[in-house]
Amino acid sequence: MIKREVTEFDLRCPEFQNRDLKPEHFEFRDDGKIVRKDRWERGIYKIHGHLCGLFDFSSRKDFELDDIVKAIEKLTDEAKEATADAEET
């Protein structure tokens, strides 16, 4: 048996068990779920990271959201063309 005092950290859900996270980093979504306030920004950075290998993006430079949107549009257009070509054969 562990002989230590239970802390607030021990009571956190696994996804919140990071000592750097504070309650002010979170908010309630409309459905009541607790989510990070910066989830959209973090998501865009993740998408940008995946696109760096496919397009002329640098992971070390600033980027504009419009660059990400254009890259996604190009990928989806190519996927639609590939699907149409596959259906024709």
C-alpha atoms as a PDB file:
ATOM      1  CA  MET A   1       0.000   0.000   0.000  1.00  0.00           C
ATOM      2  CA  ILE A   2       1.244   3.476  -0.875  1.00  0.00           C
ATOM      3  CA  LYS A   3       1.837   5.599   2.223  1.00  0.00           C
ATOM      4  CA  ARG A   4       1.319   9.123   0.933  1.00  0.00           C
ATOM      5  CA  GLU A   5      -1.387  11.728   1.065  1.00  0.00           C
ATOM      6  CA  VAL A   6      -3.877  11.880  -1.814  1.00  0.00           C
ATOM      7  CA  THR A   7      -3.572  15.087  -3.819  1.00  0.00           C
ATOM      8  CA  GLU A   8      -5.871  16.910  -6.240  1.00  0.00           C
ATOM      9  CA  PHE A   9      -3.606  15.644  -9.026  1.00  0.00           C
ATOM     10  CA  ASP A  10      -4.418  12.019  -8.092  1.00  0.00           C
ATOM     11  CA  LEU A  11      -8.119  12.717  -8.638  1.00  0.00           C
ATOM     12  CA  ARG A  12      -7.715  14.047 -12.171  1.00  0.00           C
ATOM     13  CA  CYS A  13      -8.831  12.127 -15.228  1.00  0.00           C
ATOM     14  CA  PRO A  14      -5.829  10.751 -17.162  1.00  0.00           C
ATOM     15  CA  GLU A  15      -6.208  13.355 -19.931  1.00  0.00           C
ATOM     16  CA  PHE A  16      -5.771  16.116 -17.344  1.00  0.00           C
ATOM     17  CA  GLN A  17      -2.840  14.590 -15.454  1.00  0.00           C
ATOM     18  CA  ASN A  18      -0.259  17.163 -16.394  1.00  0.00           C
ATOM     19  CA  ARG A  19       1.059  19.309 -13.570  1.00  0.00           C
ATOM     20  CA  ASP A  20       1.314  22.316 -15.914  1.00  0.00           C
ATOM     21  CA  LEU A  21      -2.436  22.310 -16.592  1.00  0.00           C
ATOM     22  CA  LYS A  22      -4.544  24.651 -14.513  1.00  0.00           C
ATOM     23  CA  PRO A  23      -8.332  25.065 -14.296  1.00  0.00           C
ATOM     24  CA  GLU A  24      -8.088  28.384 -16.159  1.00  0.00           C
ATOM     25  CA  HIS A  25      -6.833  26.454 -19.219  1.00  0.00           C
ATOM     26  CA  PHE A  26     -10.246  24.791 -19.574  1.00  0.00           C
ATOM     27  CA  GLU A  27     -13.879  25.602 -20.218  1.00  0.00           C
ATOM     28  CA  PHE A  28     -17.174  23.764 -20.505  1.00  0.00           C
ATOM     29  CA  ARG A  29     -18.312  22.976 -24.035  1.00  0.00           C
ATOM     30  CA  ASP A  30     -22.050  23.346 -24.795  1.00  0.00           C
ATOM     31  CA  ASP A  31     -22.556  19.622 -24.165  1.00  0.00           C
ATOM     32  CA  GLY A  32     -20.989  19.924 -20.695  1.00  0.00           C
ATOM     33  CA  LYS A  33     -17.672  18.274 -21.534  1.00  0.00           C
ATOM     34  CA  ILE A  34     -14.544  19.921 -20.115  1.00  0.00           C
ATOM     35  CA  VAL A  35     -12.200  20.954 -22.945  1.00  0.00           C
ATOM     36  CA  ARG A  36      -9.037  23.000 -23.394  1.00  0.00           C
ATOM     37  CA  LYS A  37      -9.632  26.638 -24.305  1.00  0.00           C
ATOM     38  CA  ASP A  38      -6.795  26.493 -26.830  1.00  0.00           C
ATOM     39  CA  ARG A  39      -7.961  23.266 -28.525  1.00  0.00           C
ATOM     40  CA  TRP A  40      -8.546  24.938 -31.904  1.00  0.00           C
ATOM     41  CA  GLU A  41      -5.114  26.553 -31.951  1.00  0.00           C
ATOM     42  CA  ARG A  42      -3.447  23.294 -30.888  1.00  0.00           C
ATOM     43  CA  GLY A  43      -5.400  21.438 -33.576  1.00  0.00           C
ATOM     44  CA  ILE A  44      -4.267  23.823 -36.315  1.00  0.00           C
ATOM     45  CA  TYR A  45      -0.651  23.396 -35.217  1.00  0.00           C
ATOM     46  CA  LYS A  46      -1.052  19.597 -35.396  1.00  0.00           C
ATOM     47  CA  ILE A  47      -2.551  19.844 -38.895  1.00  0.00           C
ATOM     48  CA  HIS A  48       0.276  22.181 -39.938  1.00  0.00           C
ATOM     49  CA  GLY A  49       2.804  19.656 -38.645  1.00  0.00           C
ATOM     50  CA  HIS A  50       1.298  16.903 -40.790  1.00  0.00           C
ATOM     51  CA  LEU A  51       1.261  19.140 -43.859  1.00  0.00           C
ATOM     52  CA  CYS A  52       4.936  20.114 -43.478  1.00  0.00           C
ATOM     53  CA  GLY A  53       6.039  16.872 -45.120  1.00  0.00           C
ATOM     54  CA  LEU A  54       3.640  17.220 -48.039  1.00  0.00           C
ATOM     55  CA  PHE A  55       3.889  20.889 -48.923  1.00  0.00           C
ATOM     56  CA  ASP A  56       6.521  23.593 -48.850  1.00  0.00           C
ATOM     57  CA  PHE A  57       5.829  24.437 -45.220  1.00  0.00           C
ATOM     58  CA  SER A  58       8.485  24.928 -42.608  1.00  0.00           C
ATOM     59  CA  SER A  59       7.736  23.722 -39.114  1.00  0.00           C
ATOM     60  CA  ARG A  60      10.010  26.464 -37.803  1.00  0.00           C
ATOM     61  CA  LYS A  61       8.314  29.422 -39.514  1.00  0.00           C
ATOM     62  CA  ASP A  62       5.130  31.298 -38.829  1.00  0.00           C
ATOM     63  CA  PHE A  63       2.227  30.444 -41.083  1.00  0.00           C
ATOM     64  CA  GLU A  64      -1.174  31.824 -41.957  1.00  0.00           C
ATOM     65  CA  LEU A  65      -4.404  29.918 -41.502  1.00  0.00           C
ATOM     66  CA  ASP A  66      -5.218  30.547 -45.166  1.00  0.00           C
ATOM     67  CA  ASP A  67      -2.101  28.526 -46.122  1.00  0.00           C
ATOM     68  CA  ILE A  68      -3.449  25.565 -44.164  1.00  0.00           C
ATOM     69  CA  VAL A  69      -6.909  25.886 -45.734  1.00  0.00           C
ATOM     70  CA  LYS A  70      -5.436  26.012 -49.254  1.00  0.00           C
ATOM     71  CA  ALA A  71      -3.320  22.922 -48.590  1.00  0.00           C
ATOM     72  CA  ILE A  72      -6.346  21.003 -47.275  1.00  0.00           C
ATOM     73  CA  GLU A  73      -8.401  22.113 -50.294  1.00  0.00           C
ATOM     74  CA  LYS A  74      -5.660  20.807 -52.596  1.00  0.00           C
ATOM     75  CA  LEU A  75      -5.568  17.463 -50.781  1.00  0.00           C
ATOM     76  CA  THR A  76      -9.344  17.044 -50.847  1.00  0.00           C
ATOM     77  CA  ASP A  77      -9.540  18.024 -54.523  1.00  0.00           C
ATOM     78  CA  GLU A  78      -6.876  15.424 -55.347  1.00  0.00           C
ATOM     79  CA  ALA A  79      -8.711  12.805 -53.284  1.00  0.00           C
ATOM     80  CA  LYS A  80     -11.983  13.555 -55.099  1.00  0.00           C
ATOM     81  CA  GLU A  81     -10.249  13.236 -58.471  1.00  0.00           C
ATOM     82  CA  ALA A  82      -8.668   9.931 -57.451  1.00  0.00           C
ATOM     83  CA  THR A  83     -12.049   8.621 -56.297  1.00  0.00           C
ATOM     84  CA  ALA A  84     -13.706   9.690 -59.546  1.00  0.00           C
ATOM     85  CA  ASP A  85     -10.919   8.054 -61.581  1.00  0.00           C
ATOM     86  CA  ALA A  86     -11.260   4.829 -59.591  1.00  0.00           C
ATOM     87  CA  GLU A  87     -15.021   4.758 -60.130  1.00  0.00           C
ATOM     88  CA  GLU A  88     -14.555   5.149 -63.893  1.00  0.00           C
ATOM     89  CA  THR A  89     -12.395   2.041 -64.155  1.00  0.00           C
END
